[in-house]
Amino acid sequence: MTHRPAIVLGSAVLLAGLSALPAAADPLPSTDGLSALRQDTVTRADAALNNPRKFKLAGSETVYLSTVKAAQNRNVLERNGSNANRNVYNHYNGNSWCGSFVAAMWTGHTMPNAASYPRIPSSYESSQAWATDPKVADLFHPFTGADQKLPAPGDVLVWKDDDSSWTGHVGLVVKVRASTRRVVTVEGNVDGDEIAKKVYTWGAKGPQRAGKTFRGYTSRQ
């Protein structure tokens, strides 16, 4: 695996401009007709997938830049499988960061102050808060079956771990293919410390991930 040399960098603020099967390499499809809020969210996800982002290794304060593997729709924020959970999206705190990644895509800032945003969970680092937090509860659509109305770009898919009711995973929808009932996502904290594009078929059990149960999705608006 080829890695960029270590460099020391400063601010961890994410600028606003800033699949499960791996998606074939291609740019995010046109999202004509989306609201500005949804479009901005998808644009940020595209930038996160395709541009180097900062990370650190366990026990080190050296800042590295991730390796973008555009042909595989992957952005690798680790070295040699380090999987330290220390990157710009969680301010290097070592916590699982799929929820923090979604919060950054929704707000345009890493580790935003939840009190400043009425529509992100107070505990957005927790994947399950994206389904249960009172701030988003009225936006959550529990999974009802294969014929359920599909989510839209900018929405958040929520899974729980099969052996737990309070841990799991979240992913950001960037494209919906209604004719094939397929949903394209960009997700953080997958396959180790990576950002990746994934494609799911919306079947009888919803979008499926190994070891997880699909709970439903939370609307962007």
N, C-alpha and C. Protein backbone atom coordinates (compact mmCIF):
# COMPACT_ATOMS: atom_id res chain seq x y z
N MET A 1 0.85 -1.19 0.00
CA MET A 1 0.00 0.00 0.00
C MET A 1 0.89 1.24 0.00
N THR A 2 0.64 2.17 -0.88
CA THR A 2 1.43 3.39 -0.98
C THR A 2 0.84 4.45 -0.08
N HIS A 3 1.70 5.12 0.70
CA HIS A 3 1.23 6.14 1.61
C HIS A 3 2.01 7.42 1.40
N ARG A 4 1.36 8.54 1.63
CA ARG A 4 2.03 9.81 1.57
C ARG A 4 2.90 9.98 2.80
N PRO A 5 3.98 10.76 2.72
CA PRO A 5 4.82 10.97 3.88
C PRO A 5 4.08 11.73 4.97
N ALA A 6 4.53 11.54 6.21
CA ALA A 6 3.91 12.22 7.33
C ALA A 6 4.18 13.70 7.26
N ILE A 7 3.17 14.50 7.57
CA ILE A 7 3.34 15.94 7.65
C ILE A 7 2.54 16.42 8.84
N VAL A 8 2.93 17.53 9.39
CA VAL A 8 2.22 18.11 10.51
C VAL A 8 1.33 19.21 10.00
N LEU A 9 0.03 19.10 10.28
CA LEU A 9 -0.96 20.05 9.79
C LEU A 9 -1.71 20.64 10.96
N GLY A 10 -2.48 21.68 10.67
CA GLY A 10 -3.15 22.41 11.73
C GLY A 10 -4.61 22.10 11.88
N SER A 11 -5.47 23.05 11.51
CA SER A 11 -6.90 23.06 11.85
C SER A 11 -7.59 21.78 11.43
N ALA A 12 -8.55 21.38 12.27
CA ALA A 12 -9.37 20.20 11.97
C ALA A 12 -10.77 20.59 11.55
N VAL A 13 -10.95 21.80 11.09
CA VAL A 13 -12.28 22.24 10.66
C VAL A 13 -12.51 21.80 9.23
N LEU A 14 -13.64 21.18 8.97
CA LEU A 14 -14.00 20.73 7.64
C LEU A 14 -14.73 21.83 6.91
N LEU A 15 -14.21 22.28 5.77
CA LEU A 15 -14.88 23.31 5.00
C LEU A 15 -16.12 22.75 4.35
N ALA A 16 -17.12 23.61 4.19
CA ALA A 16 -18.40 23.16 3.64
C ALA A 16 -18.26 22.63 2.24
N GLY A 17 -17.23 23.07 1.49
CA GLY A 17 -17.07 22.54 0.15
C GLY A 17 -16.33 21.23 0.11
N LEU A 18 -15.81 21.26 1.18
CA LEU A 18 -15.05 20.06 1.31
C LEU A 18 -15.34 18.87 0.26
N SER A 19 -20.33 -0.29 -1.20
CA SER A 19 -21.40 0.30 -1.01
C SER A 19 -21.67 -0.78 -0.37
N ALA A 20 -23.68 -4.77 1.38
CA ALA A 20 -22.86 -3.66 0.91
C ALA A 20 -21.74 -4.17 0.02
N LEU A 21 -21.74 -3.64 -1.18
CA LEU A 21 -20.79 -4.00 -2.21
C LEU A 21 -20.03 -2.74 -2.59
N PRO A 22 -18.72 -2.86 -2.88
CA PRO A 22 -18.02 -1.68 -3.36
C PRO A 22 -18.65 -1.21 -4.66
N ALA A 23 -18.84 0.08 -4.80
CA ALA A 23 -19.42 0.61 -6.02
C ALA A 23 -18.38 0.66 -7.12
N ALA A 24 -18.82 0.48 -8.35
CA ALA A 24 -17.92 0.65 -9.48
C ALA A 24 -17.45 2.09 -9.52
N ALA A 25 -16.22 2.31 -9.92
CA ALA A 25 -15.65 3.65 -9.90
C ALA A 25 -16.39 4.56 -10.88
N ASP A 26 -16.93 5.62 -10.37
CA ASP A 26 -17.58 6.63 -11.20
C ASP A 26 -17.88 7.83 -10.32
N PRO A 27 -18.04 9.02 -10.91
CA PRO A 27 -18.40 10.17 -10.09
C PRO A 27 -19.82 10.00 -9.57
N LEU A 28 -20.15 10.75 -8.52
CA LEU A 28 -21.52 10.69 -8.03
C LEU A 28 -22.45 11.16 -9.12
N PRO A 29 -23.54 10.42 -9.38
CA PRO A 29 -24.44 10.79 -10.46
C PRO A 29 -25.09 12.14 -10.23
N SER A 30 -25.63 12.70 -11.28
CA SER A 30 -26.32 13.97 -11.19
C SER A 30 -27.45 13.90 -10.17
N THR A 31 -27.57 14.95 -9.39
CA THR A 31 -28.62 15.00 -8.39
C THR A 31 -29.55 16.18 -8.67
N ASP A 32 -29.83 16.43 -9.95
CA ASP A 32 -30.72 17.52 -10.32
C ASP A 32 -32.05 17.38 -9.60
N GLY A 33 -32.60 18.50 -9.16
CA GLY A 33 -33.89 18.49 -8.51
C GLY A 33 -33.83 18.40 -7.00
N LEU A 34 -32.64 18.22 -6.42
CA LEU A 34 -32.52 18.18 -4.98
C LEU A 34 -32.61 19.58 -4.40
N SER A 35 -33.06 19.65 -3.16
CA SER A 35 -33.00 20.92 -2.44
C SER A 35 -31.54 21.31 -2.22
N ALA A 36 -31.31 22.58 -1.95
CA ALA A 36 -29.94 23.03 -1.71
C ALA A 36 -29.34 22.31 -0.51
N LEU A 37 -30.14 22.05 0.51
CA LEU A 37 -29.66 21.36 1.70
C LEU A 37 -29.17 19.96 1.36
N ARG A 38 -29.95 19.23 0.59
CA ARG A 38 -29.55 17.88 0.20
C ARG A 38 -28.35 17.91 -0.74
N GLN A 39 -28.37 18.83 -1.69
CA GLN A 39 -27.27 18.91 -2.65
C GLN A 39 -25.96 19.22 -1.95
N ASP A 40 -25.98 20.16 -1.01
CA ASP A 40 -24.76 20.49 -0.28
C ASP A 40 -24.23 19.28 0.49
N THR A 41 -25.12 18.48 1.04
CA THR A 41 -24.72 17.29 1.78
C THR A 41 -24.04 16.28 0.87
N VAL A 42 -24.62 16.05 -0.30
CA VAL A 42 -24.03 15.12 -1.27
C VAL A 42 -22.69 15.64 -1.76
N THR A 43 -22.59 16.94 -2.00
CA THR A 43 -21.33 17.54 -2.46
C THR A 43 -20.23 17.34 -1.43
N ARG A 44 -20.54 17.52 -0.17
CA ARG A 44 -19.54 17.30 0.88
C ARG A 44 -19.08 15.84 0.91
N ALA A 45 -20.03 14.92 0.74
CA ALA A 45 -19.67 13.50 0.75
C ALA A 45 -18.75 13.16 -0.41
N ASP A 46 -19.02 13.73 -1.57
CA ASP A 46 -18.16 13.52 -2.73
C ASP A 46 -16.75 14.03 -2.45
N ALA A 47 -16.66 15.21 -1.83
CA ALA A 47 -15.36 15.77 -1.50
C ALA A 47 -14.63 14.91 -0.47
N ALA A 48 -15.35 14.40 0.52
CA ALA A 48 -14.73 13.55 1.54
C ALA A 48 -14.19 12.26 0.95
N LEU A 49 -14.90 11.71 -0.02
CA LEU A 49 -14.48 10.46 -0.64
C LEU A 49 -13.26 10.64 -1.53
N ASN A 50 -13.13 11.80 -2.14
CA ASN A 50 -12.15 11.97 -3.21
C ASN A 50 -10.99 12.92 -2.91
N ASN A 51 -10.85 13.34 -1.66
CA ASN A 51 -9.75 14.22 -1.29
C ASN A 51 -9.06 13.72 -0.03
N PRO A 52 -7.74 13.91 0.06
CA PRO A 52 -7.02 13.46 1.27
C PRO A 52 -7.57 14.13 2.52
N ARG A 53 -7.65 13.35 3.59
CA ARG A 53 -8.11 13.83 4.88
C ARG A 53 -7.09 13.42 5.96
N LYS A 54 -7.06 14.17 7.04
CA LYS A 54 -6.03 13.98 8.06
C LYS A 54 -6.37 12.85 9.03
N PHE A 55 -5.33 12.13 9.45
CA PHE A 55 -5.49 11.10 10.48
C PHE A 55 -4.20 10.93 11.26
N LYS A 56 -4.29 10.26 12.40
CA LYS A 56 -3.14 9.96 13.24
C LYS A 56 -3.14 8.48 13.58
N LEU A 57 -1.97 7.97 13.94
CA LEU A 57 -1.85 6.61 14.42
C LEU A 57 -2.01 6.58 15.94
N ALA A 58 -2.27 5.42 16.49
CA ALA A 58 -2.39 5.29 17.95
C ALA A 58 -1.08 5.67 18.61
N GLY A 59 -1.15 6.48 19.66
CA GLY A 59 0.03 6.84 20.42
C GLY A 59 0.94 7.84 19.76
N SER A 60 0.49 8.46 18.68
CA SER A 60 1.32 9.42 17.96
C SER A 60 0.52 10.67 17.63
N GLU A 61 1.19 11.82 17.66
CA GLU A 61 0.54 13.07 17.27
C GLU A 61 0.96 13.52 15.88
N THR A 62 1.70 12.69 15.17
CA THR A 62 2.03 13.00 13.78
C THR A 62 0.76 12.91 12.93
N VAL A 63 0.56 13.89 12.08
CA VAL A 63 -0.62 13.93 11.22
C VAL A 63 -0.25 13.44 9.83
N TYR A 64 -1.01 12.48 9.33
CA TYR A 64 -0.83 11.94 7.99
C TYR A 64 -2.00 12.35 7.11
N LEU A 65 -1.80 12.23 5.81
CA LEU A 65 -2.89 12.42 4.86
C LEU A 65 -3.32 11.08 4.31
N SER A 66 -4.62 10.90 4.19
CA SER A 66 -5.18 9.64 3.70
C SER A 66 -4.80 9.38 2.25
N THR A 67 -4.94 8.13 1.85
CA THR A 67 -4.67 7.70 0.48
C THR A 67 -5.99 7.52 -0.25
N VAL A 68 -6.22 8.33 -1.27
CA VAL A 68 -7.44 8.22 -2.07
C VAL A 68 -7.24 7.17 -3.15
N LYS A 69 -8.12 6.18 -3.18
CA LYS A 69 -8.08 5.14 -4.21
C LYS A 69 -9.32 5.31 -5.07
N ALA A 70 -9.24 6.26 -5.99
CA ALA A 70 -10.41 6.68 -6.75
C ALA A 70 -11.03 5.54 -7.55
N ALA A 71 -10.21 4.68 -8.12
CA ALA A 71 -10.73 3.59 -8.94
C ALA A 71 -11.57 2.60 -8.13
N GLN A 72 -11.34 2.58 -6.81
CA GLN A 72 -12.08 1.67 -5.93
C GLN A 72 -13.11 2.41 -5.08
N ASN A 73 -13.25 3.72 -5.30
CA ASN A 73 -14.16 4.53 -4.49
C ASN A 73 -13.88 4.36 -3.00
N ARG A 74 -12.60 4.51 -2.63
CA ARG A 74 -12.16 4.38 -1.24
C ARG A 74 -11.21 5.51 -0.90
N ASN A 75 -11.25 5.93 0.34
CA ASN A 75 -10.32 6.90 0.89
C ASN A 75 -9.82 6.31 2.20
N VAL A 76 -8.55 5.94 2.25
CA VAL A 76 -8.00 5.14 3.35
C VAL A 76 -7.33 6.04 4.38
N LEU A 77 -7.91 6.10 5.57
CA LEU A 77 -7.40 6.95 6.64
C LEU A 77 -6.67 6.12 7.69
N GLU A 78 -5.73 5.30 7.24
CA GLU A 78 -4.94 4.46 8.13
C GLU A 78 -3.69 4.01 7.40
N ARG A 79 -2.77 3.40 8.14
CA ARG A 79 -1.55 2.85 7.55
C ARG A 79 -1.42 1.39 7.96
N ASN A 80 -1.27 0.52 6.97
CA ASN A 80 -1.05 -0.90 7.23
C ASN A 80 -2.10 -1.49 8.16
N GLY A 81 -3.35 -1.10 7.94
CA GLY A 81 -4.43 -1.65 8.74
C GLY A 81 -4.45 -1.19 10.18
N SER A 82 -3.92 -0.01 10.46
CA SER A 82 -3.80 0.46 11.85
C SER A 82 -5.14 0.60 12.56
N ASN A 83 -6.16 1.08 11.85
CA ASN A 83 -7.53 1.15 12.38
C ASN A 83 -7.58 1.76 13.78
N ALA A 84 -6.98 2.94 13.93
CA ALA A 84 -6.89 3.59 15.24
C ALA A 84 -8.09 4.47 15.57
N ASN A 85 -8.99 4.67 14.61
CA ASN A 85 -10.14 5.55 14.84
C ASN A 85 -9.71 6.95 15.28
N ARG A 86 -8.66 7.47 14.66
CA ARG A 86 -8.19 8.82 15.00
C ARG A 86 -8.05 9.61 13.70
N ASN A 87 -9.00 10.48 13.45
CA ASN A 87 -8.95 11.27 12.23
C ASN A 87 -9.70 12.58 12.41
N VAL A 88 -9.69 13.38 11.37
CA VAL A 88 -10.27 14.72 11.44
C VAL A 88 -11.76 14.68 11.78
N TYR A 89 -12.46 13.62 11.42
CA TYR A 89 -13.91 13.58 11.62
C TYR A 89 -14.31 13.41 13.08
N ASN A 90 -13.45 12.79 13.89
CA ASN A 90 -13.74 12.69 15.32
C ASN A 90 -12.73 13.45 16.17
N HIS A 91 -11.98 14.35 15.51
CA HIS A 91 -10.94 15.13 16.18
C HIS A 91 -9.95 14.23 16.91
N TYR A 92 -9.67 13.07 16.28
CA TYR A 92 -8.62 12.16 16.73
C TYR A 92 -8.89 11.56 18.11
N ASN A 93 -10.17 11.42 18.49
CA ASN A 93 -10.49 10.98 19.85
C ASN A 93 -10.50 9.46 20.04
N GLY A 94 -10.33 8.69 18.97
CA GLY A 94 -10.27 7.24 19.09
C GLY A 94 -11.61 6.54 19.10
N ASN A 95 -12.71 7.29 19.01
CA ASN A 95 -14.04 6.68 19.00
C ASN A 95 -14.44 6.24 17.60
N SER A 96 -15.35 5.29 17.53
CA SER A 96 -15.95 4.95 16.23
C SER A 96 -16.53 6.22 15.61
N TRP A 97 -16.41 6.37 14.31
CA TRP A 97 -16.67 7.69 13.74
C TRP A 97 -17.66 7.73 12.59
N CYS A 98 -18.45 6.67 12.41
CA CYS A 98 -19.45 6.74 11.33
C CYS A 98 -20.47 7.84 11.60
N GLY A 99 -20.90 8.00 12.87
CA GLY A 99 -21.85 9.05 13.21
C GLY A 99 -21.25 10.43 13.10
N SER A 100 -20.00 10.58 13.51
CA SER A 100 -19.32 11.87 13.38
C SER A 100 -19.15 12.25 11.91
N PHE A 101 -18.91 11.26 11.06
CA PHE A 101 -18.78 11.53 9.64
C PHE A 101 -20.08 12.08 9.08
N VAL A 102 -21.20 11.45 9.42
CA VAL A 102 -22.50 11.93 8.93
C VAL A 102 -22.77 13.34 9.45
N ALA A 103 -22.46 13.59 10.72
CA ALA A 103 -22.67 14.94 11.27
C ALA A 103 -21.87 15.98 10.50
N ALA A 104 -20.65 15.63 10.10
CA ALA A 104 -19.83 16.55 9.31
C ALA A 104 -20.44 16.79 7.93
N MET A 105 -21.00 15.75 7.34
CA MET A 105 -21.62 15.91 6.03
C MET A 105 -22.89 16.76 6.13
N TRP A 106 -23.63 16.63 7.20
CA TRP A 106 -24.87 17.41 7.37
C TRP A 106 -24.58 18.88 7.68
N THR A 107 -23.51 19.15 8.42
CA THR A 107 -23.27 20.51 8.90
C THR A 107 -22.15 21.25 8.19
N GLY A 108 -21.21 20.51 7.60
CA GLY A 108 -20.06 21.15 6.99
C GLY A 108 -18.93 21.40 7.97
N HIS A 109 -19.02 20.84 9.19
CA HIS A 109 -17.98 21.03 10.20
C HIS A 109 -17.72 19.70 10.91
N THR A 110 -16.45 19.45 11.22
CA THR A 110 -16.13 18.25 11.99
C THR A 110 -16.45 18.48 13.45
N MET A 111 -17.00 17.46 14.10
CA MET A 111 -17.37 17.50 15.51
C MET A 111 -18.13 18.78 15.85
N PRO A 112 -19.23 19.03 15.15
CA PRO A 112 -19.98 20.27 15.39
C PRO A 112 -20.60 20.28 16.78
N ASN A 113 -20.86 21.47 17.28
CA ASN A 113 -21.59 21.63 18.53
C ASN A 113 -23.05 21.31 18.26
N ALA A 114 -23.53 20.19 18.77
CA ALA A 114 -24.88 19.74 18.45
C ALA A 114 -25.94 20.75 18.87
N ALA A 115 -25.66 21.52 19.90
CA ALA A 115 -26.63 22.51 20.36
C ALA A 115 -26.88 23.60 19.32
N SER A 116 -25.94 23.78 18.41
CA SER A 116 -26.08 24.81 17.38
C SER A 116 -26.86 24.32 16.17
N TYR A 117 -27.18 23.03 16.13
CA TYR A 117 -27.86 22.45 14.98
C TYR A 117 -29.09 21.69 15.47
N PRO A 118 -30.29 22.20 15.21
CA PRO A 118 -31.50 21.58 15.73
C PRO A 118 -31.82 20.22 15.13
N ARG A 119 -31.17 19.87 14.00
CA ARG A 119 -31.52 18.62 13.34
C ARG A 119 -30.39 17.61 13.29
N ILE A 120 -29.46 17.66 14.23
CA ILE A 120 -28.52 16.53 14.38
C ILE A 120 -28.64 16.03 15.82
N PRO A 121 -28.46 14.73 16.04
CA PRO A 121 -28.61 14.19 17.39
C PRO A 121 -27.63 14.83 18.37
N SER A 122 -28.05 14.97 19.60
CA SER A 122 -27.16 15.50 20.64
C SER A 122 -25.94 14.61 20.82
N SER A 123 -26.13 13.31 20.66
CA SER A 123 -25.03 12.34 20.78
C SER A 123 -24.76 11.71 19.42
N TYR A 124 -24.44 12.55 18.44
CA TYR A 124 -24.33 12.07 17.06
C TYR A 124 -23.21 11.07 16.84
N GLU A 125 -22.23 10.98 17.77
CA GLU A 125 -21.19 9.97 17.62
C GLU A 125 -21.78 8.56 17.73
N SER A 126 -22.88 8.42 18.43
CA SER A 126 -23.55 7.13 18.57
C SER A 126 -24.42 6.87 17.35
N SER A 127 -24.17 5.76 16.68
CA SER A 127 -24.95 5.46 15.47
C SER A 127 -26.44 5.39 15.75
N GLN A 128 -26.81 4.82 16.89
CA GLN A 128 -28.24 4.61 17.17
C GLN A 128 -28.97 5.90 17.52
N ALA A 129 -28.22 6.93 17.90
CA ALA A 129 -28.85 8.23 18.16
C ALA A 129 -29.48 8.81 16.90
N TRP A 130 -29.00 8.39 15.74
CA TRP A 130 -29.57 8.88 14.48
C TRP A 130 -30.97 8.33 14.25
N ALA A 131 -31.38 7.35 15.05
CA ALA A 131 -32.75 6.83 14.98
C ALA A 131 -33.58 7.21 16.19
N THR A 132 -32.93 7.40 17.34
CA THR A 132 -33.68 7.51 18.60
C THR A 132 -33.65 8.88 19.24
N ASP A 133 -32.69 9.71 18.90
CA ASP A 133 -32.59 11.02 19.56
C ASP A 133 -33.84 11.85 19.31
N PRO A 134 -34.37 12.54 20.33
CA PRO A 134 -35.58 13.34 20.14
C PRO A 134 -35.46 14.39 19.04
N LYS A 135 -34.25 14.85 18.77
CA LYS A 135 -34.07 15.89 17.75
C LYS A 135 -34.31 15.38 16.34
N VAL A 136 -34.22 14.06 16.14
CA VAL A 136 -34.43 13.50 14.80
C VAL A 136 -35.54 12.46 14.78
N ALA A 137 -36.16 12.20 15.92
CA ALA A 137 -37.15 11.12 16.00
C ALA A 137 -38.28 11.29 15.00
N ASP A 138 -38.70 12.53 14.75
CA ASP A 138 -39.80 12.74 13.82
C ASP A 138 -39.37 12.62 12.36
N LEU A 139 -38.07 12.50 12.14
CA LEU A 139 -37.53 12.34 10.79
C LEU A 139 -37.17 10.89 10.48
N PHE A 140 -37.25 10.03 11.50
CA PHE A 140 -36.84 8.63 11.33
C PHE A 140 -37.99 7.81 10.77
N HIS A 141 -37.67 6.98 9.75
CA HIS A 141 -38.65 6.11 9.11
C HIS A 141 -38.25 4.66 9.38
N PRO A 142 -38.90 3.98 10.31
CA PRO A 142 -38.56 2.58 10.58
C PRO A 142 -38.73 1.73 9.32
N PHE A 143 -37.87 0.73 9.19
CA PHE A 143 -37.95 -0.15 8.03
C PHE A 143 -39.23 -0.96 8.08
N THR A 144 -39.97 -0.98 6.96
CA THR A 144 -41.24 -1.70 6.91
C THR A 144 -41.27 -2.80 5.86
N GLY A 145 -40.25 -2.90 5.02
CA GLY A 145 -40.24 -3.96 4.02
C GLY A 145 -39.68 -3.51 2.69
N ALA A 146 -39.63 -4.45 1.77
CA ALA A 146 -39.01 -4.20 0.47
C ALA A 146 -39.72 -3.13 -0.33
N ASP A 147 -41.02 -2.94 -0.09
CA ASP A 147 -41.79 -1.97 -0.87
C ASP A 147 -41.86 -0.60 -0.22
N GLN A 148 -41.12 -0.40 0.84
CA GLN A 148 -41.13 0.89 1.52
C GLN A 148 -40.64 2.00 0.59
N LYS A 149 -41.15 3.21 0.80
CA LYS A 149 -40.64 4.37 0.06
C LYS A 149 -39.15 4.50 0.32
N LEU A 150 -38.38 4.67 -0.76
CA LEU A 150 -36.93 4.75 -0.63
C LEU A 150 -36.50 6.09 -0.04
N PRO A 151 -35.34 6.10 0.61
CA PRO A 151 -34.80 7.37 1.10
C PRO A 151 -34.36 8.24 -0.07
N ALA A 152 -33.95 9.45 0.23
CA ALA A 152 -33.47 10.40 -0.78
C ALA A 152 -32.02 10.77 -0.47
N PRO A 153 -31.28 11.29 -1.45
CA PRO A 153 -29.92 11.74 -1.17
C PRO A 153 -29.86 12.71 0.01
N GLY A 154 -28.91 12.47 0.88
CA GLY A 154 -28.79 13.26 2.10
C GLY A 154 -29.35 12.58 3.32
N ASP A 155 -30.20 11.56 3.12
CA ASP A 155 -30.76 10.82 4.24
C ASP A 155 -29.71 9.87 4.84
N VAL A 156 -30.00 9.37 6.03
CA VAL A 156 -29.04 8.54 6.76
C VAL A 156 -29.63 7.15 7.00
N LEU A 157 -28.95 6.11 6.53
CA LEU A 157 -29.34 4.73 6.81
C LEU A 157 -28.80 4.33 8.18
N VAL A 158 -29.62 3.61 8.95
CA VAL A 158 -29.23 3.22 10.31
C VAL A 158 -29.34 1.70 10.47
N TRP A 159 -28.24 1.08 10.88
CA TRP A 159 -28.22 -0.34 11.23
C TRP A 159 -27.88 -0.48 12.71
N LYS A 160 -28.36 -1.56 13.33
CA LYS A 160 -27.89 -1.92 14.67
C LYS A 160 -27.13 -3.23 14.58
N ASP A 161 -26.19 -3.43 15.48
CA ASP A 161 -25.49 -4.70 15.54
C ASP A 161 -26.45 -5.80 15.97
N ASP A 162 -26.28 -6.98 15.40
CA ASP A 162 -27.19 -8.09 15.73
C ASP A 162 -27.16 -8.45 17.21
N ASP A 163 -26.02 -8.23 17.86
CA ASP A 163 -25.88 -8.63 19.26
C ASP A 163 -25.99 -7.45 20.22
N SER A 164 -26.49 -6.31 19.74
CA SER A 164 -26.58 -5.14 20.59
C SER A 164 -27.70 -4.23 20.12
N SER A 165 -28.34 -3.55 21.06
CA SER A 165 -29.39 -2.59 20.70
C SER A 165 -28.88 -1.16 20.70
N TRP A 166 -27.60 -0.96 21.05
CA TRP A 166 -27.12 0.42 21.16
C TRP A 166 -25.86 0.69 20.35
N THR A 167 -25.35 -0.31 19.62
CA THR A 167 -24.23 -0.07 18.71
C THR A 167 -24.65 -0.49 17.30
N GLY A 168 -23.95 0.03 16.31
CA GLY A 168 -24.28 -0.29 14.93
C GLY A 168 -23.50 0.57 13.96
N HIS A 169 -24.19 1.08 12.96
CA HIS A 169 -23.52 1.80 11.89
C HIS A 169 -24.51 2.72 11.19
N VAL A 170 -24.00 3.81 10.62
CA VAL A 170 -24.81 4.70 9.79
C VAL A 170 -24.07 5.02 8.50
N GLY A 171 -24.83 5.28 7.44
CA GLY A 171 -24.26 5.65 6.15
C GLY A 171 -25.11 6.72 5.49
N LEU A 172 -24.49 7.55 4.69
CA LEU A 172 -25.16 8.69 4.05
C LEU A 172 -25.58 8.34 2.62
N VAL A 173 -26.84 8.49 2.32
CA VAL A 173 -27.35 8.23 0.97
C VAL A 173 -26.91 9.36 0.03
N VAL A 174 -26.35 8.99 -1.13
CA VAL A 174 -25.95 9.99 -2.12
C VAL A 174 -26.68 9.83 -3.45
N LYS A 175 -27.30 8.66 -3.66
CA LYS A 175 -28.02 8.42 -4.91
C LYS A 175 -29.01 7.28 -4.70
N VAL A 176 -30.17 7.40 -5.32
CA VAL A 176 -31.18 6.34 -5.27
C VAL A 176 -31.55 5.95 -6.70
N ARG A 177 -31.52 4.65 -6.97
CA ARG A 177 -31.88 4.14 -8.29
C ARG A 177 -33.22 3.41 -8.14
N ALA A 178 -34.30 4.15 -8.32
CA ALA A 178 -35.63 3.62 -8.03
C ALA A 178 -35.97 2.41 -8.88
N SER A 179 -35.54 2.41 -10.14
CA SER A 179 -35.92 1.33 -11.05
C SER A 179 -35.36 -0.02 -10.62
N THR A 180 -34.21 -0.01 -9.95
CA THR A 180 -33.59 -1.25 -9.49
C THR A 180 -33.64 -1.41 -7.97
N ARG A 181 -34.27 -0.45 -7.29
CA ARG A 181 -34.37 -0.46 -5.83
C ARG A 181 -32.98 -0.53 -5.20
N ARG A 182 -32.07 0.24 -5.75
CA ARG A 182 -30.72 0.29 -5.20
C ARG A 182 -30.43 1.66 -4.62
N VAL A 183 -29.67 1.65 -3.53
CA VAL A 183 -29.31 2.87 -2.82
C VAL A 183 -27.79 2.95 -2.76
N VAL A 184 -27.25 4.10 -3.16
CA VAL A 184 -25.81 4.33 -3.15
C VAL A 184 -25.49 5.22 -1.95
N THR A 185 -24.46 4.86 -1.21
CA THR A 185 -24.08 5.62 -0.02
C THR A 185 -22.61 6.01 -0.07
N VAL A 186 -22.25 7.00 0.73
CA VAL A 186 -20.87 7.26 1.12
C VAL A 186 -20.84 7.14 2.64
N GLU A 187 -19.90 6.33 3.16
CA GLU A 187 -19.88 6.01 4.59
C GLU A 187 -18.48 6.17 5.16
N GLY A 188 -18.42 6.59 6.41
CA GLY A 188 -17.16 6.64 7.14
C GLY A 188 -17.04 5.47 8.08
N ASN A 189 -15.80 5.15 8.46
CA ASN A 189 -15.53 4.08 9.42
C ASN A 189 -15.98 2.72 8.89
N VAL A 190 -15.66 2.43 7.63
CA VAL A 190 -15.96 1.13 7.05
C VAL A 190 -14.67 0.43 6.65
N ASP A 191 -14.68 -0.89 6.68
CA ASP A 191 -13.53 -1.69 6.25
C ASP A 191 -12.24 -1.21 6.92
N GLY A 192 -12.32 -0.97 8.23
CA GLY A 192 -11.24 -0.32 8.94
C GLY A 192 -11.51 1.18 8.98
N ASP A 193 -10.47 1.96 8.89
CA ASP A 193 -10.62 3.42 8.88
C ASP A 193 -10.67 3.93 7.45
N GLU A 194 -11.82 3.76 6.82
CA GLU A 194 -11.97 4.20 5.44
C GLU A 194 -13.27 4.96 5.25
N ILE A 195 -13.27 5.82 4.24
CA ILE A 195 -14.49 6.37 3.66
C ILE A 195 -14.69 5.62 2.36
N ALA A 196 -15.90 5.16 2.10
CA ALA A 196 -16.12 4.36 0.90
C ALA A 196 -17.53 4.56 0.36
N LYS A 197 -17.64 4.38 -0.94
CA LYS A 197 -18.96 4.37 -1.57
C LYS A 197 -19.44 2.92 -1.60
N LYS A 198 -20.71 2.71 -1.25
CA LYS A 198 -21.31 1.39 -1.22
C LYS A 198 -22.62 1.40 -2.00
N VAL A 199 -23.03 0.23 -2.49
CA VAL A 199 -24.31 0.08 -3.17
C VAL A 199 -25.09 -1.05 -2.50
N TYR A 200 -26.34 -0.77 -2.15
CA TYR A 200 -27.20 -1.76 -1.49
C TYR A 200 -28.47 -1.97 -2.31
N THR A 201 -28.97 -3.18 -2.29
CA THR A 201 -30.29 -3.47 -2.84
C THR A 201 -31.31 -3.42 -1.71
N TRP A 202 -32.40 -2.70 -1.94
CA TRP A 202 -33.45 -2.55 -0.93
C TRP A 202 -34.38 -3.75 -1.01
N GLY A 203 -34.02 -4.81 -0.29
CA GLY A 203 -34.77 -6.06 -0.37
C GLY A 203 -35.66 -6.29 0.85
N ALA A 204 -36.01 -7.55 1.07
CA ALA A 204 -36.94 -7.90 2.15
C ALA A 204 -36.40 -7.55 3.53
N LYS A 205 -35.09 -7.48 3.66
CA LYS A 205 -34.48 -7.10 4.94
C LYS A 205 -33.82 -5.72 4.86
N GLY A 206 -34.12 -5.00 3.79
CA GLY A 206 -33.52 -3.68 3.61
C GLY A 206 -32.09 -3.79 3.15
N PRO A 207 -31.35 -2.69 3.16
CA PRO A 207 -29.92 -2.74 2.82
C PRO A 207 -29.19 -3.61 3.84
N GLN A 208 -28.48 -4.61 3.39
CA GLN A 208 -27.90 -5.58 4.31
C GLN A 208 -26.40 -5.38 4.48
N ARG A 209 -25.99 -5.45 5.76
CA ARG A 209 -24.57 -5.47 6.13
C ARG A 209 -24.36 -6.67 7.05
N ALA A 210 -23.22 -7.32 6.91
CA ALA A 210 -22.92 -8.50 7.72
C ALA A 210 -22.94 -8.15 9.21
N GLY A 211 -23.64 -8.98 9.99
CA GLY A 211 -23.67 -8.81 11.44
C GLY A 211 -24.55 -7.69 11.93
N LYS A 212 -25.38 -7.13 11.03
CA LYS A 212 -26.20 -5.99 11.41
C LYS A 212 -27.63 -6.15 10.90
N THR A 213 -28.54 -5.47 11.56
CA THR A 213 -29.95 -5.44 11.18
C THR A 213 -30.32 -4.01 10.81
N PHE A 214 -30.96 -3.85 9.67
CA PHE A 214 -31.35 -2.51 9.23
C PHE A 214 -32.55 -2.02 10.01
N ARG A 215 -32.45 -0.82 10.56
CA ARG A 215 -33.53 -0.25 11.37
C ARG A 215 -34.43 0.70 10.58
N GLY A 216 -33.84 1.42 9.61
CA GLY A 216 -34.61 2.40 8.86
C GLY A 216 -33.72 3.56 8.46
N TYR A 217 -34.34 4.67 8.11
CA TYR A 217 -33.54 5.83 7.68
C TYR A 217 -34.09 7.12 8.26
N THR A 218 -33.20 8.08 8.42
CA THR A 218 -33.54 9.40 8.94
C THR A 218 -33.44 10.42 7.82
N SER A 219 -34.50 11.17 7.60
CA SER A 219 -34.57 12.12 6.50
C SER A 219 -33.71 13.36 6.78
N ARG A 220 -33.11 13.85 5.73
CA ARG A 220 -32.32 15.10 5.83
C ARG A 220 -33.22 16.28 6.14
N GLN A 221 -34.45 16.26 5.63
CA GLN A 221 -35.39 17.35 5.88
C GLN A 221 -36.81 16.83 5.71
